[in-house]
Amino acid sequence: MWQDLSKDVIAAQVTYFSGHKGEVNCCAFSPDCQLVLTCSDDGRLYLWRASNGKLVAKIRAHTGPVKWCTFSKDGCLVASASYDCTARVWSTSPIKCVHILRGHLRSVETVSFSPDSRSLVSGGWDNTVLLWDIQTGLKLGQFCGHSAAVQSSAFSTDSQWLATGSWDHTVKLWHLSGDEEVVTLTGHQGNVACLCFSTTGLLASGSWDGKVRVWSLQRRECVFVLGGDERMWVRCVAFCRNGSVLASTAEGDRVKVWDMADGRCVNCLQGHKDSAYGCVFSPSGALLTSGSDQLDLDEEEDSDDDGKENNKRKEGKDKLKIAHCKYFWKIGS
């Protein structure tokens, strides 16, 4: 975790979360930052205790690689998107599958809960976006307009707008009341991989073109283009609670923090030994947490109920290193 965004690292330690038998595609933190959810090409989701890396639950149900996972805002539910063409909703206590959402014709790449936890959106390789009712598991609507796979999605903080990012290099804004025209935001030169709304009416989008674009929801225009000329895949964007700063992670070992008053990079947080993967602010906004992937061939494997299969692993890409709570940045000047 990083405390304050303008000071140096004063303590460092790494916690390893190992156990997946395939590439880890996504990690998500619970709203209180106490749990970490990971999903993998092995078709499973793992739920971990963030403080010590202890495995809390192993979720097996998808019949294909799991591409994305996320928590609901209240932390009571998690959702997953899979290559098996389904999205699934799970309760966290107890761990059980609540809904299997079928409707996509190809791999599902993204799922997002609405802030009120009443709806879920999914998008995938069939170029479509589906809206689901969490209570019933029924499809509420379908949004068509992207000309390529939908890889990212996000709800506005008031649950009125839905943003989707695509391999067609565009971001689309859909008004969920259905009484406004779809807004298409253009400018990215690569696939739009991540999206995030602020409480102040801004939308951030990260792309394979190495850029983060910040859009005004009210004016429907880009207000900042963040990033240099390096074409590093932007993996995650996250606003702090009051929207005053934006954090972004990309291929590379740094987490960048941007001032939303002028678009200036106020800090590059260093400490990861591999590409920074995901980032999230704590509910209070006082802490910034980030995770990364790291190859590590020397760490001794813990055994699990899959037995000898663990001993056959010769590569380290199935391990997720979360340096999420051991990097501290002082608050204040």
Protein backbone atom coordinates (compact mmCIF):
# COMPACT_ATOMS: atom_id res chain seq x y z
CA MET A 1 0.00 0.00 0.00
CA TRP A 2 1.13 3.50 -0.66
CA GLN A 3 0.32 6.18 1.86
CA ASP A 4 0.49 9.65 0.43
CA LEU A 5 1.61 10.11 -3.11
CA SER A 6 4.59 12.41 -2.74
CA LYS A 7 7.02 10.63 -0.41
CA ASP A 8 9.52 7.82 -0.73
CA VAL A 9 9.10 4.20 0.26
CA ILE A 10 9.95 3.72 3.93
CA ALA A 11 9.18 0.00 4.28
CA ALA A 12 8.93 -2.90 1.88
CA GLN A 13 7.96 -6.55 2.04
CA VAL A 14 6.35 -8.87 -0.47
CA THR A 15 3.54 -11.34 0.09
CA TYR A 16 3.17 -14.14 -2.46
CA PHE A 17 -0.14 -15.68 -3.46
CA SER A 18 0.57 -18.95 -5.29
CA GLY A 19 -1.62 -21.85 -6.27
CA HIS A 20 -3.14 -21.23 -9.70
CA LYS A 21 -2.16 -23.67 -12.42
CA GLY A 22 -2.45 -21.21 -15.27
CA GLU A 23 -1.73 -17.60 -16.06
CA VAL A 24 -3.37 -15.17 -13.63
CA ASN A 25 -5.57 -12.85 -15.69
CA CYS A 26 -7.00 -10.49 -13.08
CA CYS A 27 -6.92 -9.59 -9.42
CA ALA A 28 -9.51 -7.59 -7.51
CA PHE A 29 -9.60 -6.23 -3.99
CA SER A 30 -12.65 -6.27 -1.76
CA PRO A 31 -14.05 -2.83 -0.88
CA ASP A 32 -12.40 -2.98 2.55
CA CYS A 33 -9.11 -4.22 1.05
CA GLN A 34 -9.18 -7.28 3.32
CA LEU A 35 -9.62 -9.86 0.56
CA VAL A 36 -8.00 -10.45 -2.81
CA LEU A 37 -9.82 -12.26 -5.61
CA THR A 38 -7.81 -13.79 -8.45
CA CYS A 39 -8.82 -15.62 -11.61
CA SER A 40 -6.80 -17.71 -13.99
CA ASP A 41 -6.59 -19.66 -17.22
CA ASP A 42 -7.00 -22.75 -15.02
CA GLY A 43 -10.74 -21.97 -14.89
CA ARG A 44 -10.74 -21.12 -11.19
CA LEU A 45 -11.16 -18.18 -8.87
CA TYR A 46 -9.22 -17.99 -5.61
CA LEU A 47 -10.15 -15.82 -2.65
CA TRP A 48 -7.24 -14.83 -0.41
CA ARG A 49 -6.71 -13.05 2.90
CA ALA A 50 -4.85 -9.90 1.87
CA SER A 51 -2.80 -9.53 5.05
CA ASN A 52 -1.06 -12.91 4.95
CA GLY A 53 -1.78 -14.55 1.58
CA LYS A 54 -3.84 -17.33 3.16
CA LEU A 55 -6.22 -19.04 0.76
CA VAL A 56 -9.80 -18.51 1.97
CA ALA A 57 -11.71 -20.24 -0.81
CA LYS A 58 -11.10 -22.02 -4.10
CA ILE A 59 -13.97 -21.56 -6.55
CA ARG A 60 -14.30 -24.09 -9.35
CA ALA A 61 -17.14 -23.92 -11.87
CA HIS A 62 -16.09 -22.36 -15.17
CA THR A 63 -15.20 -24.77 -17.94
CA GLY A 64 -12.73 -22.39 -19.58
CA PRO A 65 -10.19 -19.73 -18.63
CA VAL A 66 -11.54 -17.00 -16.34
CA LYS A 67 -10.72 -13.64 -17.92
CA TRP A 68 -11.99 -11.12 -15.36
CA CYS A 69 -13.29 -10.91 -11.79
CA THR A 70 -14.69 -8.18 -9.57
CA PHE A 71 -16.38 -7.47 -6.24
CA SER A 72 -19.70 -5.72 -5.75
CA LYS A 73 -19.47 -2.42 -3.88
CA ASP A 74 -20.84 -3.95 -0.68
CA GLY A 75 -18.45 -6.92 -0.93
CA CYS A 76 -21.27 -9.45 -0.68
CA LEU A 77 -20.95 -10.66 -4.26
CA VAL A 78 -18.25 -11.39 -6.80
CA ALA A 79 -18.64 -11.83 -10.53
CA SER A 80 -16.49 -13.63 -13.07
CA ALA A 81 -16.21 -13.63 -16.86
CA SER A 82 -15.00 -16.66 -18.77
CA TYR A 83 -13.93 -18.03 -22.10
CA ASP A 84 -16.75 -20.57 -21.65
CA CYS A 85 -19.16 -17.81 -22.82
CA THR A 86 -20.73 -17.31 -19.39
CA ALA A 87 -20.56 -14.77 -16.62
CA ARG A 88 -21.22 -15.98 -13.09
CA VAL A 89 -22.26 -14.30 -9.86
CA TRP A 90 -21.16 -15.68 -6.49
CA SER A 91 -22.04 -14.86 -2.91
CA THR A 92 -19.01 -14.40 -0.67
CA SER A 93 -20.54 -15.69 2.56
CA PRO A 94 -21.08 -18.53 2.07
CA ILE A 95 -19.24 -19.07 -1.21
CA LYS A 96 -21.80 -20.31 -3.71
CA CYS A 97 -22.86 -19.64 -7.29
CA VAL A 98 -25.95 -17.42 -7.35
CA HIS A 99 -26.42 -17.04 -11.11
CA ILE A 100 -24.98 -18.46 -14.31
CA LEU A 101 -25.51 -15.77 -16.93
CA ARG A 102 -25.79 -17.15 -20.45
CA GLY A 103 -26.29 -14.96 -23.48
CA HIS A 104 -22.92 -14.27 -25.05
CA LEU A 105 -21.91 -16.21 -28.13
CA ARG A 106 -18.18 -15.96 -27.54
CA SER A 107 -15.72 -15.43 -24.69
CA VAL A 108 -16.81 -12.99 -21.98
CA GLU A 109 -13.98 -10.54 -21.28
CA THR A 110 -15.39 -8.09 -18.72
CA VAL A 111 -17.96 -7.84 -15.94
CA SER A 112 -18.84 -4.87 -13.74
CA PHE A 113 -21.33 -4.30 -10.93
CA SER A 114 -23.38 -1.13 -10.75
CA PRO A 115 -22.61 0.94 -7.60
CA ASP A 116 -26.04 0.09 -6.19
CA SER A 117 -25.28 -3.64 -6.72
CA ARG A 118 -28.60 -4.11 -8.54
CA SER A 119 -27.17 -4.69 -12.01
CA LEU A 120 -24.25 -6.36 -13.69
CA VAL A 121 -22.85 -5.68 -17.13
CA SER A 122 -20.87 -8.15 -19.25
CA GLY A 123 -19.07 -7.74 -22.55
CA GLY A 124 -17.03 -9.97 -24.78
CA TRP A 125 -15.78 -11.23 -28.10
CA ASP A 126 -19.23 -11.20 -29.69
CA ASN A 127 -18.97 -7.35 -29.68
CA THR A 128 -22.06 -7.06 -27.47
CA VAL A 129 -22.77 -5.71 -24.01
CA LEU A 130 -25.42 -7.36 -21.84
CA LEU A 131 -27.11 -5.89 -18.77
CA TRP A 132 -28.32 -8.28 -16.05
CA ASP A 133 -30.59 -8.05 -13.02
CA ILE A 134 -28.65 -9.27 -9.99
CA GLN A 135 -31.75 -10.26 -8.05
CA THR A 136 -33.22 -12.52 -10.72
CA GLY A 137 -30.31 -13.26 -13.04
CA LEU A 138 -32.43 -12.18 -16.00
CA LYS A 139 -31.17 -10.12 -18.92
CA LEU A 140 -32.38 -6.53 -18.75
CA GLY A 141 -30.97 -5.27 -22.02
CA GLN A 142 -28.45 -5.59 -24.81
CA PHE A 143 -26.22 -2.85 -26.19
CA CYS A 144 -24.82 -3.15 -29.70
CA GLY A 145 -22.56 -0.74 -31.52
CA HIS A 146 -18.95 -1.80 -31.05
CA SER A 147 -17.33 -3.27 -34.12
CA ALA A 148 -14.84 -5.41 -32.18
CA ALA A 149 -14.51 -7.23 -28.86
CA VAL A 150 -15.59 -5.44 -25.69
CA GLN A 151 -12.76 -5.68 -23.16
CA SER A 152 -13.67 -3.20 -20.40
CA SER A 153 -16.72 -1.75 -18.69
CA ALA A 154 -17.66 0.59 -15.84
CA PHE A 155 -20.74 2.18 -14.32
CA SER A 156 -20.84 5.85 -13.35
CA THR A 157 -21.01 6.47 -9.61
CA ASP A 158 -24.72 7.38 -9.85
CA SER A 159 -25.49 4.20 -11.86
CA GLN A 160 -26.96 6.30 -14.68
CA TRP A 161 -24.23 5.77 -17.27
CA LEU A 162 -22.42 2.73 -18.56
CA ALA A 163 -19.05 3.01 -20.31
CA THR A 164 -17.60 0.24 -22.46
CA GLY A 165 -14.16 -0.01 -24.06
CA SER A 166 -13.40 -2.05 -27.13
CA TRP A 167 -10.79 -3.42 -29.47
CA ASP A 168 -12.28 -1.02 -32.01
CA HIS A 169 -10.28 1.66 -30.09
CA THR A 170 -13.41 3.52 -28.91
CA VAL A 171 -15.20 4.14 -25.65
CA LYS A 172 -18.99 4.21 -25.76
CA LEU A 173 -21.25 5.86 -23.22
CA TRP A 174 -24.71 4.38 -22.80
CA HIS A 175 -27.41 6.15 -20.77
CA LEU A 176 -29.22 3.45 -18.85
CA SER A 177 -32.58 5.22 -18.99
CA GLY A 178 -32.41 4.76 -22.76
CA ASP A 179 -33.56 8.28 -23.55
CA GLU A 180 -30.20 9.65 -24.76
CA GLU A 181 -28.14 8.91 -27.84
CA VAL A 182 -25.09 6.69 -27.45
CA VAL A 183 -21.92 8.78 -27.17
CA THR A 184 -18.77 7.46 -28.88
CA LEU A 185 -15.44 8.76 -27.58
CA THR A 186 -12.55 8.47 -30.01
CA GLY A 187 -8.84 9.18 -29.77
CA HIS A 188 -7.18 6.00 -28.58
CA GLN A 189 -4.93 4.22 -31.05
CA GLY A 190 -5.16 0.83 -29.36
CA ASN A 191 -7.56 -1.50 -27.60
CA VAL A 192 -9.29 0.12 -24.62
CA ALA A 193 -8.39 -2.18 -21.73
CA CYS A 194 -9.68 -0.40 -18.61
CA LEU A 195 -12.21 2.22 -17.51
CA CYS A 196 -13.07 4.08 -14.31
CA PHE A 197 -15.51 6.86 -13.35
CA SER A 198 -14.86 9.50 -10.72
CA THR A 199 -17.39 11.05 -8.37
CA THR A 200 -16.75 14.40 -10.08
CA GLY A 201 -18.03 13.48 -13.53
CA LEU A 202 -14.80 12.30 -15.14
CA LEU A 203 -14.15 9.05 -17.00
CA ALA A 204 -10.65 7.61 -17.36
CA SER A 205 -9.78 5.09 -20.07
CA GLY A 206 -6.52 3.17 -20.47
CA SER A 207 -5.37 1.62 -23.71
CA TRP A 208 -2.79 -0.58 -25.34
CA ASP A 209 -1.53 2.60 -26.99
CA GLY A 210 0.14 3.48 -23.67
CA LYS A 211 -2.14 6.44 -23.00
CA VAL A 212 -4.69 7.25 -20.34
CA ARG A 213 -7.40 9.60 -21.54
CA VAL A 214 -9.58 11.53 -19.11
CA TRP A 215 -12.99 12.57 -20.41
CA SER A 216 -15.53 15.07 -19.16
CA LEU A 217 -18.87 13.31 -18.90
CA GLN A 218 -20.70 16.62 -19.12
CA ARG A 219 -18.83 17.99 -22.15
CA ARG A 220 -18.30 14.59 -23.84
CA GLU A 221 -14.71 15.51 -24.64
CA CYS A 222 -11.17 14.56 -23.66
CA VAL A 223 -9.68 16.92 -21.08
CA PHE A 224 -6.33 15.19 -20.47
CA VAL A 225 -4.11 12.76 -22.35
CA LEU A 226 -1.76 11.18 -19.83
CA GLY A 227 1.39 9.27 -20.72
CA GLY A 228 4.42 9.49 -22.93
CA ASP A 229 5.26 8.03 -26.29
CA GLU A 230 6.07 4.57 -24.96
CA ARG A 231 3.52 2.00 -26.10
CA MET A 232 3.06 0.13 -22.82
CA TRP A 233 -0.28 -1.53 -22.26
CA VAL A 234 -2.19 0.40 -19.59
CA ARG A 235 -3.69 -2.29 -17.37
CA CYS A 236 -5.71 -0.42 -14.74
CA VAL A 237 -6.97 3.04 -13.81
CA ALA A 238 -8.47 4.07 -10.46
CA PHE A 239 -9.74 7.36 -9.04
CA CYS A 240 -9.48 8.20 -5.38
CA ARG A 241 -12.75 8.74 -3.52
CA ASN A 242 -13.01 12.51 -4.13
CA GLY A 243 -11.71 12.29 -7.70
CA SER A 244 -8.76 14.60 -7.09
CA VAL A 245 -6.14 12.10 -8.24
CA LEU A 246 -6.01 9.17 -10.63
CA ALA A 247 -3.70 6.16 -10.39
CA SER A 248 -2.68 4.06 -13.36
CA THR A 249 -0.66 0.87 -13.84
CA ALA A 250 0.96 -0.38 -17.01
CA GLU A 251 3.49 -2.84 -18.35
CA GLY A 252 6.51 -1.75 -16.39
CA ASP A 253 7.20 -1.66 -12.67
CA ARG A 254 5.71 1.73 -11.79
CA VAL A 255 2.39 3.03 -10.60
CA LYS A 256 1.73 6.58 -11.75
CA VAL A 257 -0.39 9.08 -9.88
CA TRP A 258 -1.95 12.02 -11.72
CA ASP A 259 -3.38 15.30 -10.44
CA MET A 260 -6.83 15.83 -11.93
CA ALA A 261 -6.59 19.61 -11.57
CA ASP A 262 -3.99 19.89 -14.33
CA GLY A 263 -3.20 16.37 -15.57
CA ARG A 264 0.28 16.47 -14.08
CA CYS A 265 2.03 13.28 -12.96
CA VAL A 266 2.70 13.90 -9.27
CA ASN A 267 4.52 10.65 -8.59
CA CYS A 268 5.83 7.41 -10.03
CA LEU A 269 5.63 4.83 -7.27
CA GLN A 270 8.36 2.21 -7.54
CA GLY A 271 8.78 -1.06 -5.74
CA HIS A 272 7.34 -3.79 -7.93
CA LYS A 273 9.82 -6.10 -9.62
CA ASP A 274 7.53 -6.82 -12.56
CA SER A 275 4.67 -5.15 -14.43
CA ALA A 276 2.22 -3.39 -12.13
CA TYR A 277 -1.07 -5.14 -12.67
CA GLY A 278 -3.96 -3.55 -10.81
CA CYS A 279 -4.52 -0.68 -8.41
CA VAL A 280 -7.26 0.51 -6.09
CA PHE A 281 -7.70 3.19 -3.45
CA SER A 282 -8.93 2.27 0.00
CA PRO A 283 -12.46 3.46 0.88
CA SER A 284 -11.02 6.34 2.91
CA GLY A 285 -8.76 7.38 0.06
CA ALA A 286 -5.75 7.41 2.36
CA LEU A 287 -4.11 4.32 0.90
CA LEU A 288 -3.30 3.19 -2.61
CA THR A 289 -2.92 -0.53 -3.19
CA SER A 290 -1.37 -2.19 -6.22
CA GLY A 291 -0.49 -5.68 -7.37
CA SER A 292 1.76 -7.23 -9.96
CA ASP A 293 2.71 -10.47 -11.66
CA GLN A 294 6.12 -11.90 -10.98
CA LEU A 295 7.96 -15.01 -12.04
CA ASP A 296 9.51 -16.79 -9.08
CA LEU A 297 10.88 -20.27 -9.58
CA ASP A 298 12.52 -20.69 -6.20
CA GLU A 299 9.58 -20.40 -3.83
CA GLU A 300 8.51 -23.68 -2.28
CA GLU A 301 5.02 -24.73 -3.29
CA ASP A 302 2.32 -25.39 -0.75
CA SER A 303 0.43 -28.59 -1.39
CA ASP A 304 -3.30 -28.53 -2.02
CA ASP A 305 -5.96 -31.09 -2.70
CA ASP A 306 -4.83 -31.40 -6.30
CA GLY A 307 -1.83 -33.36 -5.00
CA LYS A 308 1.05 -34.19 -7.24
CA GLU A 309 -0.02 -31.86 -10.02
CA ASN A 310 1.61 -28.98 -8.17
CA ASN A 311 5.01 -30.67 -8.40
CA LYS A 312 4.77 -30.75 -12.18
CA ARG A 313 4.76 -27.01 -12.51
CA LYS A 314 8.03 -25.79 -13.95
CA GLU A 315 7.06 -22.24 -14.79
CA GLY A 316 6.30 -19.41 -12.41
CA LYS A 317 3.68 -17.54 -14.40
CA ASP A 318 0.90 -19.05 -12.35
CA LYS A 319 1.94 -17.04 -9.30
CA LEU A 320 0.60 -13.67 -8.41
CA LYS A 321 2.76 -11.40 -6.34
CA ILE A 322 0.72 -8.79 -4.52
CA ALA A 323 2.86 -6.01 -3.09
CA HIS A 324 -0.31 -4.43 -1.88
CA CYS A 325 0.17 -3.79 1.78
CA LYS A 326 3.87 -3.49 2.42
CA TYR A 327 4.81 -0.29 0.63
CA PHE A 328 3.97 2.73 2.75
CA TRP A 329 3.93 6.37 1.68
CA LYS A 330 3.65 8.98 4.42
CA ILE A 331 0.61 11.25 4.50
CA GLY A 332 1.25 14.96 4.61
CA SER A 333 4.05 17.23 3.48
